[in-house]
Amino acid sequence: MMTSLQKYQRITRSALIVIMMALSGCVSEEFDDLKAYIVRVQAKPATPIEPMPVLKSYETFKYVAEGLRDPFKKVDEPTPIDVAGKVEGPGPDVEREKEELESYPLDTLRMVGTLSKSGELWGLVRANDGVIHRVQPGQYLGQNFGKIIQVQEQQIDLGEWVAAANGKWREREASLALVE
């Protein structure tokens, strides 16, 4: 004869079996489309993997610099002001008081427009700090003693003085084009 504990265990096992069968039926129906997709993907032929790119070997360069300056050592070149006392011939007026725009390198200044005032054309120049300055012929800008020669609608022309290696000043033309 069965005890009540044995009856309980038998009923519990039967219930678990019925629940598992019901769940396996649900799971089976729920993932049929996923199983079909996996079969389709596996049936496709595998695409070949592209071969590794061929690495080009670098060409060596032999740096032969006998008697030349070492490119990794700092060069102590004199600035135009240092050379100014030693330079002979025509050159900039190094004794005059510098203007505000002479503290900026020319490549950091941008012409942003023009302004006509009393029949005179003024140039508008933006410094790298964002401040816009009005300029006209006769004023100076840039660090190479650049004197404004002419202000036009599209550019500002100036003449600069640069110390040459032969101990003399050399004048060169430069300009600031209008930035749009």
Foldseek 3Di string as FASTA:
>chain_A
DDDPVVVVVVVVVVVVVVVVVVVVVVVCVVCVVVVVVVVVVVPDDDDDDDDDDDDDDDDDDDDDAVPHDDPVDDDDDDACVRLVVQADDDDADPPDDADPQLVAAPVQKAFAFWDADPNFIWTWIAGNVGDIDTHAAQHAHHNQRWGFHGDDGFKTKTKGWGQDPVRYIDIDIDMHGHDD
